[in-house]
Protein backbone atom coordinates (compact mmCIF):
# COMPACT_ATOMS: atom_id res chain seq x y z
CA MET A 1 10.60 13.21 51.39
CA LYS A 2 7.90 10.12 51.30
CA VAL A 3 5.70 12.44 49.18
CA LYS A 4 8.13 13.30 46.86
CA LYS A 5 9.46 9.61 46.70
CA THR A 6 5.82 8.67 45.50
CA MET A 7 5.18 11.14 43.40
CA SER A 8 8.67 10.45 41.53
CA LEU A 9 7.52 7.06 41.24
CA LEU A 10 4.13 7.98 39.72
CA LEU A 11 5.73 10.18 37.32
CA THR A 12 7.83 7.35 36.12
CA ALA A 13 4.56 5.35 35.69
CA ALA A 14 3.16 7.91 33.81
CA ILE A 15 6.06 8.06 31.48
CA THR A 16 6.48 4.51 30.78
CA LEU A 17 2.93 4.30 30.19
CA SER A 18 2.75 7.43 27.70
CA SER A 19 5.94 5.62 26.04
CA LEU A 20 3.87 2.51 25.55
CA THR A 21 1.03 4.40 24.42
CA MET A 22 3.10 6.33 21.63
CA SER A 23 4.55 2.76 20.70
CA SER A 24 1.11 1.17 20.07
CA PRO A 25 1.69 0.87 16.08
CA VAL A 26 4.22 -2.15 17.10
CA SER A 27 1.16 -3.46 19.95
CA VAL A 28 -1.34 -3.66 17.35
CA MET A 29 0.86 -5.94 14.96
CA ALA A 30 0.17 -9.44 13.87
CA GLU A 31 0.08 -10.62 17.46
CA ASP A 32 -3.59 -9.65 17.71
CA LEU A 33 -4.53 -11.39 14.74
CA ASP A 34 -5.07 -15.37 14.50
CA SER A 35 -6.46 -15.08 10.57
CA VAL A 36 -6.73 -12.88 7.48
CA ALA A 37 -9.14 -13.33 4.82
CA VAL A 38 -8.12 -13.32 1.09
CA THR A 39 -10.14 -12.91 -1.98
CA TYR A 40 -9.89 -16.15 -4.23
CA VAL A 41 -10.31 -15.39 -7.89
CA THR A 42 -9.51 -18.13 -10.60
CA ALA A 43 -10.99 -16.29 -13.75
CA PRO A 44 -10.28 -15.50 -16.35
CA LEU A 45 -6.94 -17.00 -16.35
CA ASN A 46 -5.52 -16.11 -12.65
CA VAL A 47 -2.37 -18.57 -12.66
CA PRO A 48 -0.64 -17.07 -8.99
CA SER A 49 -4.22 -17.85 -7.06
CA ILE A 50 -4.56 -21.59 -8.51
CA VAL A 51 -1.09 -22.18 -7.09
CA GLU A 52 -0.87 -20.30 -4.30
CA LYS A 53 -4.11 -22.19 -2.77
CA ASN A 54 -2.74 -25.35 -4.14
CA HIS A 55 0.79 -24.93 -2.19
CA SER A 56 -0.88 -22.79 0.81
CA ILE A 57 1.78 -20.03 0.54
CA PHE A 58 -0.02 -17.22 2.03
CA ALA A 59 -1.08 -19.88 4.77
CA GLU A 60 2.99 -20.79 5.48
CA ASN A 61 4.04 -17.50 5.26
CA MET A 62 1.69 -15.92 7.60
CA LYS A 63 2.48 -18.56 10.18
CA ASP A 64 5.90 -16.76 10.94
CA LEU A 65 3.90 -13.86 12.33
CA GLY A 66 1.43 -16.42 14.69
CA ILE A 67 -1.38 -16.26 12.15
CA GLU A 68 -2.75 -19.40 12.16
CA PHE A 69 -5.69 -19.18 9.56
CA VAL A 70 -5.71 -17.91 5.92
CA GLU A 71 -9.18 -17.77 4.55
CA TYR A 72 -10.54 -17.55 1.02
CA SER A 73 -13.38 -15.85 -0.04
CA ASP A 74 -14.86 -16.81 -3.22
CA LEU A 75 -16.33 -13.30 -4.03
CA THR A 76 -15.86 -12.27 -7.73
CA SER A 77 -17.32 -9.28 -8.20
CA GLY A 78 -15.69 -6.20 -8.02
CA ALA A 79 -18.39 -4.62 -6.12
CA ASP A 80 -18.40 -7.24 -3.82
CA GLN A 81 -14.74 -7.13 -3.03
CA THR A 82 -14.16 -3.89 -1.99
CA GLN A 83 -17.21 -3.59 0.15
CA ALA A 84 -15.71 -6.35 1.90
CA LEU A 85 -12.76 -4.96 2.24
CA ALA A 86 -14.07 -1.60 3.88
CA SER A 87 -16.48 -3.50 6.22
CA GLY A 88 -13.27 -5.63 7.36
CA ASP A 89 -14.65 -9.03 6.35
CA ILE A 90 -11.75 -9.25 4.03
CA GLN A 91 -8.16 -8.11 4.38
CA PHE A 92 -6.61 -8.55 1.12
CA LEU A 93 -7.97 -8.40 -2.47
CA TYR A 94 -5.74 -10.51 -4.50
CA ALA A 95 -7.08 -9.57 -7.99
CA VAL A 96 -9.38 -6.61 -8.15
CA GLY A 97 -9.69 -4.86 -11.14
CA ALA A 98 -8.54 -0.93 -11.32
CA THR A 99 -11.80 -0.29 -12.41
CA SER A 100 -13.33 -1.70 -9.05
CA VAL A 101 -10.60 0.24 -7.01
CA ILE A 102 -11.30 3.67 -8.61
CA LEU A 103 -15.06 3.31 -8.04
CA SER A 104 -14.63 2.39 -4.51
CA ALA A 105 -11.83 5.27 -3.99
CA ALA A 106 -14.41 7.68 -5.63
CA ASN A 107 -17.10 6.41 -3.43
CA GLY A 108 -14.95 7.20 -0.18
CA ALA A 109 -13.92 3.84 0.53
CA ASP A 110 -10.78 3.28 2.20
CA ILE A 111 -8.23 1.32 -0.32
CA LYS A 112 -4.90 0.80 -1.30
CA ILE A 113 -2.97 -0.82 -3.85
CA ILE A 114 0.14 -3.00 -2.84
CA SER A 115 1.11 -4.73 -5.75
CA MET A 116 -0.08 -5.33 -8.96
CA TYR A 117 -1.50 -8.69 -9.95
CA SER A 118 -1.52 -9.03 -13.84
CA ARG A 119 -1.94 -7.41 -17.19
CA SER A 120 -3.37 -9.12 -20.05
CA PRO A 121 -4.74 -6.98 -23.00
CA LYS A 122 -4.64 -9.56 -25.56
CA ALA A 123 -6.70 -11.97 -23.05
CA PHE A 124 -9.69 -9.19 -23.43
CA CYS A 125 -11.38 -9.86 -26.93
CA LEU A 126 -14.38 -8.78 -28.72
CA PHE A 127 -16.08 -11.70 -31.05
CA SER A 128 -18.50 -11.62 -33.79
CA ASN A 129 -19.59 -14.66 -35.94
CA ASP A 130 -20.26 -12.35 -38.69
CA GLU A 131 -16.46 -11.48 -40.67
CA SER A 132 -17.73 -8.28 -42.18
CA ILE A 133 -17.16 -6.63 -38.75
CA THR A 134 -13.57 -5.29 -38.87
CA SER A 135 -13.81 -2.17 -37.77
CA PRO A 136 -15.61 0.32 -35.26
CA ALA A 137 -17.97 1.55 -38.22
CA ASP A 138 -19.47 -2.07 -38.96
CA LEU A 139 -20.54 -2.02 -35.15
CA LYS A 140 -22.93 0.65 -35.58
CA GLY A 141 -26.15 -0.42 -34.47
CA LYS A 142 -25.04 -3.80 -33.77
CA THR A 143 -26.10 -5.42 -30.16
CA ILE A 144 -22.85 -6.19 -27.89
CA ALA A 145 -23.28 -8.13 -25.17
CA GLY A 146 -20.55 -8.10 -22.38
CA PRO A 147 -20.44 -7.10 -18.13
CA GLN A 148 -20.71 -3.13 -17.64
CA GLY A 149 -18.31 -1.39 -15.46
CA THR A 150 -15.07 -3.69 -16.37
CA ILE A 151 -12.33 -3.83 -18.15
CA LEU A 152 -14.23 -5.45 -21.44
CA HIS A 153 -16.58 -2.58 -21.72
CA GLU A 154 -13.46 -0.36 -20.94
CA LEU A 155 -12.28 -2.49 -24.34
CA LEU A 156 -15.49 -1.76 -26.13
CA VAL A 157 -15.76 2.10 -25.39
CA ALA A 158 -11.54 2.41 -26.55
CA TYR A 159 -12.63 0.57 -29.80
CA LEU A 160 -15.27 2.64 -30.64
CA ALA A 161 -13.24 5.99 -30.07
CA SER A 162 -11.06 4.83 -32.36
CA GLY A 163 -13.72 5.42 -35.19
CA ASP A 164 -15.15 8.21 -33.82
CA MET A 165 -17.84 6.83 -32.08
CA THR A 166 -19.58 6.15 -29.11
CA ILE A 167 -21.41 3.66 -26.73
CA ASP A 168 -24.93 5.47 -27.71
CA ASP A 169 -23.58 4.31 -31.21
CA VAL A 170 -24.91 0.48 -30.61
CA ASN A 171 -27.01 -1.66 -28.54
CA PHE A 172 -24.86 -2.30 -25.57
CA VAL A 173 -26.37 -5.02 -23.35
CA ASN A 174 -25.01 -5.57 -19.89
CA THR A 175 -24.66 -9.77 -19.20
CA SER A 176 -22.24 -11.66 -17.29
CA ILE A 177 -19.47 -13.62 -19.57
CA PRO A 178 -21.24 -16.78 -19.78
CA ASP A 179 -24.37 -15.20 -20.83
CA ALA A 180 -22.44 -12.73 -23.70
CA MET A 181 -21.30 -15.81 -24.62
CA ALA A 182 -24.12 -17.67 -24.77
CA ALA A 183 -25.78 -14.77 -27.01
CA LEU A 184 -23.38 -15.03 -29.40
CA SER A 185 -23.73 -18.49 -30.05
CA GLY A 186 -27.67 -18.20 -30.03
CA GLY A 187 -27.82 -15.14 -31.98
CA SER A 188 -29.46 -12.86 -29.71
CA ALA A 189 -26.14 -10.77 -29.72
CA ASP A 190 -24.33 -9.75 -32.95
CA CYS A 191 -20.93 -9.46 -30.71
CA ALA A 192 -19.53 -10.75 -27.31
CA LEU A 193 -17.00 -9.26 -25.12
CA LEU A 194 -15.53 -12.24 -23.54
CA ALA A 195 -11.87 -12.74 -21.71
CA GLY A 196 -9.98 -15.95 -20.50
CA ALA A 197 -10.93 -19.57 -21.12
CA ALA A 198 -14.64 -18.04 -22.84
CA ALA A 199 -12.53 -15.92 -25.15
CA TYR A 200 -10.25 -19.15 -25.91
CA ASN A 201 -13.15 -21.40 -26.60
CA THR A 202 -15.13 -18.98 -28.51
CA SER A 203 -11.91 -18.36 -30.52
CA SER A 204 -11.34 -22.31 -31.17
CA GLY A 205 -15.26 -22.70 -31.82
CA GLY A 206 -14.61 -20.73 -35.12
CA ALA A 207 -15.96 -17.25 -33.74
CA HIS A 208 -14.54 -13.94 -35.52
CA LEU A 209 -12.06 -11.87 -33.43
CA VAL A 210 -12.78 -8.41 -34.09
CA THR A 211 -10.18 -6.77 -31.97
CA ASN A 212 -8.48 -7.76 -28.48
CA GLY A 213 -7.40 -5.13 -25.85
CA GLU A 214 -4.17 -4.55 -27.62
CA GLY A 215 -3.40 -0.90 -27.97
CA PHE A 216 -6.91 -0.13 -26.47
CA VAL A 217 -6.61 -1.33 -22.88
CA GLU A 218 -3.49 -2.60 -20.45
CA ALA A 219 -6.27 -4.77 -18.44
CA THR A 220 -4.54 -3.86 -14.70
CA ILE A 221 -5.30 -6.28 -12.04
CA ALA A 222 -4.31 -5.29 -8.90
CA CYS A 223 -3.68 -6.44 -5.08
CA ALA A 224 -5.21 -4.21 -2.27
CA THR A 225 -5.94 -3.58 1.28
CA THR A 226 -7.13 -0.57 3.54
CA ASN A 227 -4.94 1.86 4.91
CA LYS A 228 -6.03 1.11 7.98
CA PHE A 229 -5.22 -2.16 7.98
CA TYR A 230 -1.48 -1.33 6.50
CA THR A 231 -0.73 1.38 9.25
CA GLU A 232 -1.80 -1.12 11.96
CA HIS A 233 -0.37 -4.36 10.44
CA GLN A 234 2.42 -3.64 8.11
CA ASP A 235 4.16 -6.47 9.33
CA VAL A 236 1.50 -8.75 8.00
CA VAL A 237 1.24 -6.87 4.44
CA ASP A 238 4.63 -7.37 4.17
CA LYS A 239 4.33 -11.23 4.73
CA PHE A 240 1.50 -10.90 2.10
CA LEU A 241 4.23 -9.61 -0.70
CA GLU A 242 6.82 -12.25 0.25
CA ALA A 243 4.44 -14.79 -0.41
CA GLN A 244 3.21 -12.97 -3.57
CA LYS A 245 6.68 -13.30 -4.71
CA GLU A 246 7.21 -16.52 -3.56
CA VAL A 247 4.30 -17.38 -5.81
CA LEU A 248 5.64 -16.11 -8.89
CA ASP A 249 9.05 -17.66 -8.20
CA TYR A 250 7.25 -20.91 -7.83
CA MET A 251 5.75 -20.29 -11.36
CA ASP A 252 8.92 -19.64 -12.90
CA GLU A 253 10.77 -22.33 -11.50
CA ASN A 254 8.02 -25.14 -12.07
CA PRO A 255 6.37 -24.01 -15.20
CA ASP A 256 5.27 -27.06 -16.39
CA GLU A 257 3.55 -27.80 -12.70
CA ALA A 258 1.95 -24.52 -13.09
CA MET A 259 0.53 -25.08 -16.29
CA GLU A 260 -0.84 -28.40 -15.26
CA GLU A 261 -2.34 -27.79 -12.04
CA THR A 262 -4.11 -24.86 -13.78
CA ALA A 263 -5.12 -27.06 -16.69
CA GLU A 264 -6.55 -29.26 -13.74
CA PHE A 265 -8.57 -26.96 -12.08
CA LEU A 266 -9.77 -25.16 -14.77
CA ASP A 267 -10.60 -28.34 -16.91
CA LEU A 268 -8.66 -27.06 -19.75
CA ASP A 269 -6.20 -28.71 -22.17
CA VAL A 270 -2.66 -27.85 -20.67
CA ASN A 271 -1.79 -26.97 -24.10
CA ALA A 272 -4.46 -24.17 -24.08
CA VAL A 273 -3.52 -22.72 -21.10
CA LYS A 274 0.47 -22.61 -22.11
CA GLU A 275 -1.24 -20.56 -25.09
CA MET A 276 -3.40 -18.47 -23.18
CA TYR A 277 -0.56 -17.80 -20.36
CA GLU A 278 1.66 -16.21 -23.15
CA TYR A 279 -0.93 -13.42 -22.77
CA TYR A 280 -0.03 -12.47 -19.20
CA ASP A 281 1.94 -10.42 -17.63
CA PHE A 282 2.34 -11.56 -13.75
CA ASP A 283 5.19 -9.12 -12.74
CA MET A 284 4.07 -7.74 -9.29
CA THR A 285 5.99 -4.56 -9.49
CA ILE A 286 3.60 -1.10 -9.72
CA LYS A 287 5.51 0.56 -12.15
CA ASP A 288 4.90 4.29 -13.92
CA SER A 289 2.69 2.54 -16.88
CA ASP A 290 0.58 1.09 -14.36
CA ILE A 291 -0.41 4.23 -12.96
CA ASP A 292 -0.58 5.75 -16.67
CA ALA A 293 -2.97 3.09 -17.43
CA MET A 294 -5.11 3.51 -14.21
CA LYS A 295 -5.06 7.38 -14.90
CA SER A 296 -6.82 6.11 -18.38
CA THR A 297 -9.27 4.00 -16.81
CA MET A 298 -10.41 6.88 -14.23
CA GLU A 299 -10.60 9.03 -17.77
CA PHE A 300 -13.03 6.20 -19.20
CA MET A 301 -15.01 6.15 -15.92
CA LEU A 302 -15.56 10.11 -15.91
CA ASP A 303 -16.56 9.90 -19.73
CA THR A 304 -19.07 6.99 -19.03
CA GLU A 305 -20.56 8.66 -15.79
CA MET A 306 -19.13 5.76 -13.43
CA ILE A 307 -17.55 8.52 -11.40
CA GLU A 308 -18.54 12.21 -10.61
CA GLU A 309 -15.04 13.27 -9.85
CA GLU A 310 -11.16 12.79 -10.55
CA VAL A 311 -9.41 10.22 -8.46
CA ASP A 312 -5.97 10.92 -7.45
CA ILE A 313 -4.39 7.75 -8.63
CA GLU A 314 -0.85 8.45 -7.04
CA GLU A 315 -2.92 8.73 -3.74
CA LEU A 316 -4.22 5.40 -4.14
CA VAL A 317 -0.82 3.29 -4.47
CA ILE A 318 1.66 2.15 -1.56
CA ARG A 319 5.08 1.50 -3.26
């Protein structure tokens, strides 16, 4: 009888241990985290990021889960951001271009879009000091400076295609936005691809707007994490999304304060910020139109040989 009783106790213990093991997704939730890292990208006019950090909204929400620290990463390059996400150094990309997400996925990285950050086609522009440039045909042979593999690059390709032209019909020079602005000002480039404050300042300085992204690109910016982190820490992801909504609610309820905070941070006149702000849609909802826009971006990346095979955009999104 004692043997049977001992065996019964061992069996009960094994069943209990098995139950605990099977419920492990709960045990690896936020309780094993004391910090999370989030990207802090303020350009071109990322009002939510500026407001969020000013008011510690992520930090306050994460405390509900026992997470004491929210660390901010100043990585702004999409490639650097997605690499840091893949390595686990960063848990949330708070404003990453769809181009970077698709490229990361195409290279086999674990990445998932959990919400949208913004859409701002009118904020992405092509400028020239030559007012005679008014059509894609007028760009033939011209030197155009701007960042390769970005929304601005996609805008140029789409604009050229509207005139049955390709990137091979122009002299495209890969530069940062500040360098493109300087090249246009100094005369070493005929045109510059600019966004945000750089675009506003260039326009205010009298440069000729050849086109903006309206009708050509959606300028889709997203928020992302890894599927691994989402699976193991869904409560943290949910809390991130709650905090993101709280940021947007603050902006809706306190528009003047949000504009003033942004103007102070970017060292811009508040009226300039208000004017540029009209170009942005910060709705965090992932819409069907966002999926379609990202599919168009993927086609652009295939055409420009940035990626070799299609990416299932639907599979990239958690909604």
